[in-house]
Amino acid sequence: MISILNFVELENRVVAATYRNLMVKAKVVLIDEASGAQLADPVVTITSRMPVGAVRMRLPETVRPGTYFLMALNSRGDVVAKSCAFEVA
């Protein structure tokens, strides 16, 4: 099963994305593209058993301007999907 994570938009420090085939308990995290570091916050956990869905995550003020992308991790912490990069101003 191929999992997909699509960045949709960033507006007012809220990131919207859609996903397909993410397992329950998968986590969507924010990654700093420059350093490759995972940010501790925000983290969204998938709770829906539906194969298609959407996530919204509010970026805390601690997220600095830069280039980021979303990454989906399964319950074991393995990368299962990645979004395109986007800019936070």
PDB file of N, CA and C in Angstrom:
ATOM      1  N   MET A   1       0.839  -1.165   0.000  1.00  0.00           N
ATOM      2  CA  MET A   1       0.000   0.000   0.000  1.00  0.00           C
ATOM      3  C   MET A   1       0.893   1.239   0.000  1.00  0.00           C
ATOM      4  N   ILE A   2       0.684   2.121  -0.940  1.00  0.00           N
ATOM      5  CA  ILE A   2       1.480   3.337  -1.068  1.00  0.00           C
ATOM      6  C   ILE A   2       0.776   4.473  -0.332  1.00  0.00           C
ATOM      7  N   SER A   3       1.474   5.113   0.585  1.00  0.00           N
ATOM      8  CA  SER A   3       0.934   6.246   1.336  1.00  0.00           C
ATOM      9  C   SER A   3       1.354   7.540   0.670  1.00  0.00           C
ATOM     10  N   ILE A   4       0.452   8.535   0.716  1.00  0.00           N
ATOM     11  CA  ILE A   4       0.708   9.829   0.086  1.00  0.00           C
ATOM     12  C   ILE A   4       0.363  10.932   1.072  1.00  0.00           C
ATOM     13  N   LEU A   5       1.183  11.977   1.095  1.00  0.00           N
ATOM     14  CA  LEU A   5       0.955  13.149   1.936  1.00  0.00           C
ATOM     15  C   LEU A   5       1.159  14.376   1.058  1.00  0.00           C
ATOM     16  N   ASN A   6       0.091  15.149   0.823  1.00  0.00           N
ATOM     17  CA  ASN A   6       0.140  16.310  -0.070  1.00  0.00           C
ATOM     18  C   ASN A   6      -0.054  17.602   0.703  1.00  0.00           C
ATOM     19  N   PHE A   7       0.931  18.493   0.620  1.00  0.00           N
ATOM     20  CA  PHE A   7       0.785  19.832   1.173  1.00  0.00           C
ATOM     21  C   PHE A   7      -0.258  20.559   0.346  1.00  0.00           C
ATOM     22  N   VAL A   8      -1.214  21.231   1.010  1.00  0.00           N
ATOM     23  CA  VAL A   8      -2.258  21.979   0.304  1.00  0.00           C
ATOM     24  C   VAL A   8      -2.012  23.470   0.410  1.00  0.00           C
ATOM     25  N   GLU A   9      -1.893  23.985   1.647  1.00  0.00           N
ATOM     26  CA  GLU A   9      -1.675  25.421   1.794  1.00  0.00           C
ATOM     27  C   GLU A   9      -1.149  25.751   3.185  1.00  0.00           C
ATOM     28  N   LEU A  10      -0.585  26.954   3.280  1.00  0.00           N
ATOM     29  CA  LEU A  10      -0.161  27.534   4.550  1.00  0.00           C
ATOM     30  C   LEU A  10      -0.798  28.907   4.612  1.00  0.00           C
ATOM     31  N   GLU A  11      -1.704  29.105   5.579  1.00  0.00           N
ATOM     32  CA  GLU A  11      -2.376  30.386   5.724  1.00  0.00           C
ATOM     33  C   GLU A  11      -2.532  30.694   7.203  1.00  0.00           C
ATOM     34  N   ASN A  12      -2.092  31.885   7.600  1.00  0.00           N
ATOM     35  CA  ASN A  12      -2.174  32.309   9.005  1.00  0.00           C
ATOM     36  C   ASN A  12      -1.523  31.302   9.956  1.00  0.00           C
ATOM     37  N   ARG A  13      -0.377  30.773   9.536  1.00  0.00           N
ATOM     38  CA  ARG A  13       0.408  29.809  10.319  1.00  0.00           C
ATOM     39  C   ARG A  13      -0.331  28.497  10.585  1.00  0.00           C
ATOM     40  N   VAL A  14      -1.284  28.153   9.705  1.00  0.00           N
ATOM     41  CA  VAL A  14      -1.957  26.863   9.757  1.00  0.00           C
ATOM     42  C   VAL A  14      -1.635  26.115   8.471  1.00  0.00           C
ATOM     43  N   VAL A  15      -1.034  24.938   8.618  1.00  0.00           N
ATOM     44  CA  VAL A  15      -0.677  24.099   7.472  1.00  0.00           C
ATOM     45  C   VAL A  15      -1.825  23.120   7.229  1.00  0.00           C
ATOM     46  N   ALA A  16      -2.261  23.045   5.980  1.00  0.00           N
ATOM     47  CA  ALA A  16      -3.297  22.088   5.599  1.00  0.00           C
ATOM     48  C   ALA A  16      -2.680  21.088   4.620  1.00  0.00           C
ATOM     49  N   ALA A  17      -3.018  19.816   4.804  1.00  0.00           N
ATOM     50  CA  ALA A  17      -2.503  18.760   3.934  1.00  0.00           C
ATOM     51  C   ALA A  17      -3.556  17.660   3.811  1.00  0.00           C
ATOM     52  N   THR A  18      -3.474  16.910   2.736  1.00  0.00           N
ATOM     53  CA  THR A  18      -4.338  15.747   2.559  1.00  0.00           C
ATOM     54  C   THR A  18      -3.457  14.510   2.570  1.00  0.00           C
ATOM     55  N   TYR A  19      -4.072  13.380   2.889  1.00  0.00           N
ATOM     56  CA  TYR A  19      -3.305  12.134   2.897  1.00  0.00           C
ATOM     57  C   TYR A  19      -4.140  11.003   2.321  1.00  0.00           C
ATOM     58  N   ARG A  20      -3.445   9.956   1.946  1.00  0.00           N
ATOM     59  CA  ARG A  20      -4.071   8.734   1.438  1.00  0.00           C
ATOM     60  C   ARG A  20      -3.290   7.553   1.980  1.00  0.00           C
ATOM     61  N   ASN A  21      -4.007   6.567   2.495  1.00  0.00           N
ATOM     62  CA  ASN A  21      -3.425   5.302   2.967  1.00  0.00           C
ATOM     63  C   ASN A  21      -2.436   5.445   4.122  1.00  0.00           C
ATOM     64  N   LEU A  22      -2.736   6.332   5.059  1.00  0.00           N
ATOM     65  CA  LEU A  22      -1.943   6.379   6.290  1.00  0.00           C
ATOM     66  C   LEU A  22      -2.647   5.530   7.335  1.00  0.00           C
ATOM     67  N   MET A  23      -1.898   4.743   8.057  1.00  0.00           N
ATOM     68  CA  MET A  23      -2.450   3.851   9.071  1.00  0.00           C
ATOM     69  C   MET A  23      -2.876   4.641  10.308  1.00  0.00           C
ATOM     70  N   VAL A  24      -3.822   4.084  11.051  1.00  0.00           N
ATOM     71  CA  VAL A  24      -4.185   4.655  12.340  1.00  0.00           C
ATOM     72  C   VAL A  24      -2.937   4.646  13.216  1.00  0.00           C
ATOM     73  N   LYS A  25      -2.729   5.686  13.971  1.00  0.00           N
ATOM     74  CA  LYS A  25      -1.570   5.915  14.840  1.00  0.00           C
ATOM     75  C   LYS A  25      -0.343   6.422  14.092  1.00  0.00           C
ATOM     76  N   ALA A  26      -0.450   6.642  12.765  1.00  0.00           N
ATOM     77  CA  ALA A  26       0.653   7.286  12.045  1.00  0.00           C
ATOM     78  C   ALA A  26       0.739   8.730  12.532  1.00  0.00           C
ATOM     79  N   LYS A  27       1.934   9.283  12.508  1.00  0.00           N
ATOM     80  CA  LYS A  27       2.136  10.657  12.954  1.00  0.00           C
ATOM     81  C   LYS A  27       2.618  11.502  11.787  1.00  0.00           C
ATOM     82  N   VAL A  28       2.063  12.708  11.684  1.00  0.00           N
ATOM     83  CA  VAL A  28       2.509  13.683  10.687  1.00  0.00           C
ATOM     84  C   VAL A  28       3.310  14.732  11.445  1.00  0.00           C
ATOM     85  N   VAL A  29       4.565  14.909  11.038  1.00  0.00           N
ATOM     86  CA  VAL A  29       5.474  15.818  11.735  1.00  0.00           C
ATOM     87  C   VAL A  29       6.012  16.856  10.765  1.00  0.00           C
ATOM     88  N   LEU A  30       6.553  17.927  11.318  1.00  0.00           N
ATOM     89  CA  LEU A  30       7.146  19.004  10.532  1.00  0.00           C
ATOM     90  C   LEU A  30       8.659  18.854  10.560  1.00  0.00           C
ATOM     91  N   ILE A  31       9.272  18.948   9.376  1.00  0.00           N
ATOM     92  CA  ILE A  31      10.725  18.782   9.248  1.00  0.00           C
ATOM     93  C   ILE A  31      11.330  20.064   8.679  1.00  0.00           C
ATOM     94  N   ASP A  32      12.402  20.541   9.301  1.00  0.00           N
ATOM     95  CA  ASP A  32      13.156  21.683   8.787  1.00  0.00           C
ATOM     96  C   ASP A  32      14.029  21.167   7.647  1.00  0.00           C
ATOM     97  N   GLU A  33      13.797  21.672   6.441  1.00  0.00           N
ATOM     98  CA  GLU A  33      14.521  21.152   5.284  1.00  0.00           C
ATOM     99  C   GLU A  33      16.023  21.426   5.364  1.00  0.00           C
ATOM    100  N   ALA A  34      16.418  22.589   5.895  1.00  0.00           N
ATOM    101  CA  ALA A  34      17.836  22.948   5.949  1.00  0.00           C
ATOM    102  C   ALA A  34      18.633  22.000   6.840  1.00  0.00           C
ATOM    103  N   SER A  35      18.101  21.670   8.002  1.00  0.00           N
ATOM    104  CA  SER A  35      18.847  20.830   8.942  1.00  0.00           C
ATOM    105  C   SER A  35      18.408  19.367   8.916  1.00  0.00           C
ATOM    106  N   GLY A  36      17.211  19.102   8.393  1.00  0.00           N
ATOM    107  CA  GLY A  36      16.673  17.744   8.406  1.00  0.00           C
ATOM    108  C   GLY A  36      16.113  17.349   9.757  1.00  0.00           C
ATOM    109  N   ALA A  37      16.039  18.319  10.680  1.00  0.00           N
ATOM    110  CA  ALA A  37      15.577  18.043  12.039  1.00  0.00           C
ATOM    111  C   ALA A  37      14.055  18.036  12.125  1.00  0.00           C
ATOM    112  N   GLN A  38      13.542  17.088  12.884  1.00  0.00           N
ATOM    113  CA  GLN A  38      12.105  17.027  13.156  1.00  0.00           C
ATOM    114  C   GLN A  38      11.791  17.988  14.289  1.00  0.00           C
ATOM    115  N   LEU A  39      10.775  18.814  14.121  1.00  0.00           N
ATOM    116  CA  LEU A  39      10.357  19.720  15.181  1.00  0.00           C
ATOM    117  C   LEU A  39       9.489  18.959  16.172  1.00  0.00           C
ATOM    118  N   ALA A  40       9.650  19.255  17.436  1.00  0.00           N
ATOM    119  CA  ALA A  40       8.892  18.558  18.482  1.00  0.00           C
ATOM    120  C   ALA A  40       7.413  18.910  18.445  1.00  0.00           C
ATOM    121  N   ASP A  41       7.101  20.102  17.955  1.00  0.00           N
ATOM    122  CA  ASP A  41       5.719  20.551  17.886  1.00  0.00           C
ATOM    123  C   ASP A  41       5.565  21.335  16.596  1.00  0.00           C
ATOM    124  N   PRO A  42       4.583  21.121  15.810  1.00  0.00           N
ATOM    125  CA  PRO A  42       3.368  20.333  16.001  1.00  0.00           C
ATOM    126  C   PRO A  42       3.526  18.888  15.514  1.00  0.00           C
ATOM    127  N   VAL A  43       2.714  18.012  16.089  1.00  0.00           N
ATOM    128  CA  VAL A  43       2.624  16.618  15.668  1.00  0.00           C
ATOM    129  C   VAL A  43       1.140  16.267  15.619  1.00  0.00           C
ATOM    130  N   VAL A  44       0.705  15.667  14.513  1.00  0.00           N
ATOM    131  CA  VAL A  44      -0.687  15.246  14.383  1.00  0.00           C
ATOM    132  C   VAL A  44      -0.706  13.722  14.268  1.00  0.00           C
ATOM    133  N   THR A  45      -1.540  13.069  15.060  1.00  0.00           N
ATOM    134  CA  THR A  45      -1.688  11.618  15.012  1.00  0.00           C
ATOM    135  C   THR A  45      -2.954  11.271  14.253  1.00  0.00           C
ATOM    136  N   ILE A  46      -2.835  10.365  13.288  1.00  0.00           N
ATOM    137  CA  ILE A  46      -3.987   9.934  12.488  1.00  0.00           C
ATOM    138  C   ILE A  46      -4.860   9.021  13.347  1.00  0.00           C
ATOM    139  N   THR A  47      -6.136   9.351  13.452  1.00  0.00           N
ATOM    140  CA  THR A  47      -7.069   8.561  14.256  1.00  0.00           C
ATOM    141  C   THR A  47      -8.193   7.967  13.417  1.00  0.00           C
ATOM    142  N   SER A  48      -8.318   8.411  12.168  1.00  0.00           N
ATOM    143  CA  SER A  48      -9.404   7.938  11.305  1.00  0.00           C
ATOM    144  C   SER A  48      -9.007   6.657  10.588  1.00  0.00           C
ATOM    145  N   ARG A  49      -9.935   5.745  10.482  1.00  0.00           N
ATOM    146  CA  ARG A  49      -9.692   4.507   9.745  1.00  0.00           C
ATOM    147  C   ARG A  49      -9.967   4.674   8.250  1.00  0.00           C
ATOM    148  N   MET A  50     -10.437   5.867   7.851  1.00  0.00           N
ATOM    149  CA  MET A  50     -10.711   6.132   6.443  1.00  0.00           C
ATOM    150  C   MET A  50      -9.389   6.175   5.666  1.00  0.00           C
ATOM    151  N   PRO A  51      -9.358   5.654   4.446  1.00  0.00           N
ATOM    152  CA  PRO A  51      -8.105   5.641   3.683  1.00  0.00           C
ATOM    153  C   PRO A  51      -7.695   7.022   3.165  1.00  0.00           C
ATOM    154  N   VAL A  52      -8.635   7.980   3.165  1.00  0.00           N
ATOM    155  CA  VAL A  52      -8.355   9.328   2.666  1.00  0.00           C
ATOM    156  C   VAL A  52      -8.774  10.324   3.736  1.00  0.00           C
ATOM    157  N   GLY A  53      -7.968  11.363   3.934  1.00  0.00           N
ATOM    158  CA  GLY A  53      -8.328  12.354   4.933  1.00  0.00           C
ATOM    159  C   GLY A  53      -7.500  13.614   4.801  1.00  0.00           C
ATOM    160  N   ALA A  54      -7.663  14.489   5.772  1.00  0.00           N
ATOM    161  CA  ALA A  54      -6.950  15.764   5.781  1.00  0.00           C
ATOM    162  C   ALA A  54      -6.456  16.055   7.191  1.00  0.00           C
ATOM    163  N   VAL A  55      -5.364  16.787   7.272  1.00  0.00           N
ATOM    164  CA  VAL A  55      -4.830  17.236   8.557  1.00  0.00           C
ATOM    165  C   VAL A  55      -4.605  18.738   8.495  1.00  0.00           C
ATOM    166  N   ARG A  56      -4.739  19.367   9.645  1.00  0.00           N
ATOM    167  CA  ARG A  56      -4.433  20.788   9.806  1.00  0.00           C
ATOM    168  C   ARG A  56      -3.585  20.912  11.062  1.00  0.00           C
ATOM    169  N   MET A  57      -2.500  21.644  10.947  1.00  0.00           N
ATOM    170  CA  MET A  57      -1.648  21.851  12.121  1.00  0.00           C
ATOM    171  C   MET A  57      -1.276  23.321  12.234  1.00  0.00           C
ATOM    172  N   ARG A  58      -1.481  23.854  13.418  1.00  0.00           N
ATOM    173  CA  ARG A  58      -1.110  25.241  13.691  1.00  0.00           C
ATOM    174  C   ARG A  58       0.357  25.283  14.087  1.00  0.00           C
ATOM    175  N   LEU A  59       1.100  26.171  13.428  1.00  0.00           N
ATOM    176  CA  LEU A  59       2.521  26.317  13.731  1.00  0.00           C
ATOM    177  C   LEU A  59       2.701  27.216  14.944  1.00  0.00           C
ATOM    178  N   PRO A  60       3.407  26.751  15.954  1.00  0.00           N
ATOM    179  CA  PRO A  60       3.666  27.609  17.119  1.00  0.00           C
ATOM    180  C   PRO A  60       4.624  28.740  16.741  1.00  0.00           C
ATOM    181  N   GLU A  61       4.669  29.751  17.565  1.00  0.00           N
ATOM    182  CA  GLU A  61       5.542  30.904  17.297  1.00  0.00           C
ATOM    183  C   GLU A  61       7.015  30.508  17.293  1.00  0.00           C
ATOM    184  N   THR A  62       7.356  29.363  17.860  1.00  0.00           N
ATOM    185  CA  THR A  62       8.755  28.920  17.893  1.00  0.00           C
ATOM    186  C   THR A  62       9.251  28.447  16.525  1.00  0.00           C
ATOM    187  N   VAL A  63       8.329  28.227  15.569  1.00  0.00           N
ATOM    188  CA  VAL A  63       8.732  27.819  14.218  1.00  0.00           C
ATOM    189  C   VAL A  63       9.208  29.066  13.485  1.00  0.00           C
ATOM    190  N   ARG A  64      10.482  29.090  13.161  1.00  0.00           N
ATOM    191  CA  ARG A  64      11.101  30.248  12.521  1.00  0.00           C
ATOM    192  C   ARG A  64      10.859  30.232  11.018  1.00  0.00           C
ATOM    193  N   PRO A  65      11.013  31.387  10.361  1.00  0.00           N
ATOM    194  CA  PRO A  65      10.908  31.420   8.899  1.00  0.00           C
ATOM    195  C   PRO A  65      11.925  30.482   8.265  1.00  0.00           C
ATOM    196  N   GLY A  66      11.515  29.823   7.196  1.00  0.00           N
ATOM    197  CA  GLY A  66      12.402  28.893   6.509  1.00  0.00           C
ATOM    198  C   GLY A  66      11.615  27.950   5.633  1.00  0.00           C
ATOM    199  N   THR A  67      12.293  26.931   5.143  1.00  0.00           N
ATOM    200  CA  THR A  67      11.678  25.925   4.279  1.00  0.00           C
ATOM    201  C   THR A  67      11.456  24.659   5.090  1.00  0.00           C
ATOM    202  N   TYR A  68      10.246  24.124   4.995  1.00  0.00           N
ATOM    203  CA  TYR A  68       9.842  22.953   5.759  1.00  0.00           C
ATOM    204  C   TYR A  68       9.108  21.971   4.854  1.00  0.00           C
ATOM    205  N   PHE A  69       8.930  20.751   5.335  1.00  0.00           N
ATOM    206  CA  PHE A  69       8.048  19.795   4.677  1.00  0.00           C
ATOM    207  C   PHE A  69       7.423  18.912   5.743  1.00  0.00           C
ATOM    208  N   LEU A  70       6.350  18.230   5.367  1.00  0.00           N
ATOM    209  CA  LEU A  70       5.667  17.322   6.281  1.00  0.00           C
ATOM    210  C   LEU A  70       6.143  15.904   6.014  1.00  0.00           C
ATOM    211  N   MET A  71       6.219  15.109   7.065  1.00  0.00           N
ATOM    212  CA  MET A  71       6.609  13.712   6.929  1.00  0.00           C
ATOM    213  C   MET A  71       5.652  12.861   7.752  1.00  0.00           C
ATOM    214  N   ALA A  72       5.231  11.735   7.191  1.00  0.00           N
ATOM    215  CA  ALA A  72       4.366  10.805   7.907  1.00  0.00           C
ATOM    216  C   ALA A  72       5.201   9.616   8.357  1.00  0.00           C
ATOM    217  N   LEU A  73       5.053   9.279   9.636  1.00  0.00           N
ATOM    218  CA  LEU A  73       5.776   8.157  10.237  1.00  0.00           C
ATOM    219  C   LEU A  73       4.761   7.124  10.707  1.00  0.00           C
ATOM    220  N   ASN A  74       5.037   5.858  10.438  1.00  0.00           N
ATOM    221  CA  ASN A  74       4.122   4.822  10.927  1.00  0.00           C
ATOM    222  C   ASN A  74       4.332   4.620  12.428  1.00  0.00           C
ATOM    223  N   SER A  75       3.603   3.696  13.030  1.00  0.00           N
ATOM    224  CA  SER A  75       3.666   3.502  14.479  1.00  0.00           C
ATOM    225  C   SER A  75       5.046   3.039  14.961  1.00  0.00           C
ATOM    226  N   ARG A  76       5.870   2.505  14.060  1.00  0.00           N
ATOM    227  CA  ARG A  76       7.232   2.093  14.418  1.00  0.00           C
ATOM    228  C   ARG A  76       8.249   3.207  14.206  1.00  0.00           C
ATOM    229  N   GLY A  77       7.801   4.347  13.632  1.00  0.00           N
ATOM    230  CA  GLY A  77       8.704   5.467  13.383  1.00  0.00           C
ATOM    231  C   GLY A  77       9.341   5.463  12.016  1.00  0.00           C
ATOM    232  N   ASP A  78       8.917   4.544  11.131  1.00  0.00           N
ATOM    233  CA  ASP A  78       9.456   4.498   9.768  1.00  0.00           C
ATOM    234  C   ASP A  78       8.764   5.548   8.901  1.00  0.00           C
ATOM    235  N   VAL A  79       9.511   6.182   8.012  1.00  0.00           N
ATOM    236  CA  VAL A  79       8.942   7.166   7.091  1.00  0.00           C
ATOM    237  C   VAL A  79       8.092   6.445   6.055  1.00  0.00           C
ATOM    238  N   VAL A  80       6.826   6.889   5.907  1.00  0.00           N
ATOM    239  CA  VAL A  80       5.936   6.265   4.926  1.00  0.00           C
ATOM    240  C   VAL A  80       5.486   7.237   3.845  1.00  0.00           C
ATOM    241  N   ALA A  81       5.609   8.551   4.090  1.00  0.00           N
ATOM    242  CA  ALA A  81       5.226   9.539   3.085  1.00  0.00           C
ATOM    243  C   ALA A  81       5.875  10.882   3.432  1.00  0.00           C
ATOM    244  N   LYS A  82       6.009  11.723   2.412  1.00  0.00           N
ATOM    245  CA  LYS A  82       6.648  13.019   2.565  1.00  0.00           C
ATOM    246  C   LYS A  82       5.965  14.004   1.628  1.00  0.00           C
ATOM    247  N   SER A  83       5.760  15.230   2.073  1.00  0.00           N
ATOM    248  CA  SER A  83       5.144  16.246   1.222  1.00  0.00           C
ATOM    249  C   SER A  83       6.229  17.027   0.476  1.00  0.00           C
ATOM    250  N   CYS A  84       5.786  17.905  -0.404  1.00  0.00           N
ATOM    251  CA  CYS A  84       6.718  18.830  -1.047  1.00  0.00           C
ATOM    252  C   CYS A  84       7.113  19.899  -0.026  1.00  0.00           C
ATOM    253  N   ALA A  85       8.162  20.637  -0.315  1.00  0.00           N
ATOM    254  CA  ALA A  85       8.635  21.671   0.589  1.00  0.00           C
ATOM    255  C   ALA A  85       7.771  22.927   0.438  1.00  0.00           C
ATOM    256  N   PHE A  86       7.685  23.706   1.535  1.00  0.00           N
ATOM    257  CA  PHE A  86       6.942  24.957   1.511  1.00  0.00           C
ATOM    258  C   PHE A  86       7.667  25.966   2.409  1.00  0.00           C
ATOM    259  N   GLU A  87       7.411  27.242   2.166  1.00  0.00           N
ATOM    260  CA  GLU A  87       8.074  28.321   2.882  1.00  0.00           C
ATOM    261  C   GLU A  87       7.202  28.858   4.005  1.00  0.00           C
ATOM    262  N   VAL A  88       7.814  29.055   5.171  1.00  0.00           N
ATOM    263  CA  VAL A  88       7.167  29.724   6.297  1.00  0.00           C
ATOM    264  C   VAL A  88       7.848  31.087   6.413  1.00  0.00           C
ATOM    265  N   ALA A  89       7.041  32.138   6.375  1.00  0.00           N
ATOM    266  CA  ALA A  89       7.595  33.502   6.448  1.00  0.00           C
ATOM    267  C   ALA A  89       7.603  34.022   7.860  1.00  0.00           C
TER     268      ALA A  89
END
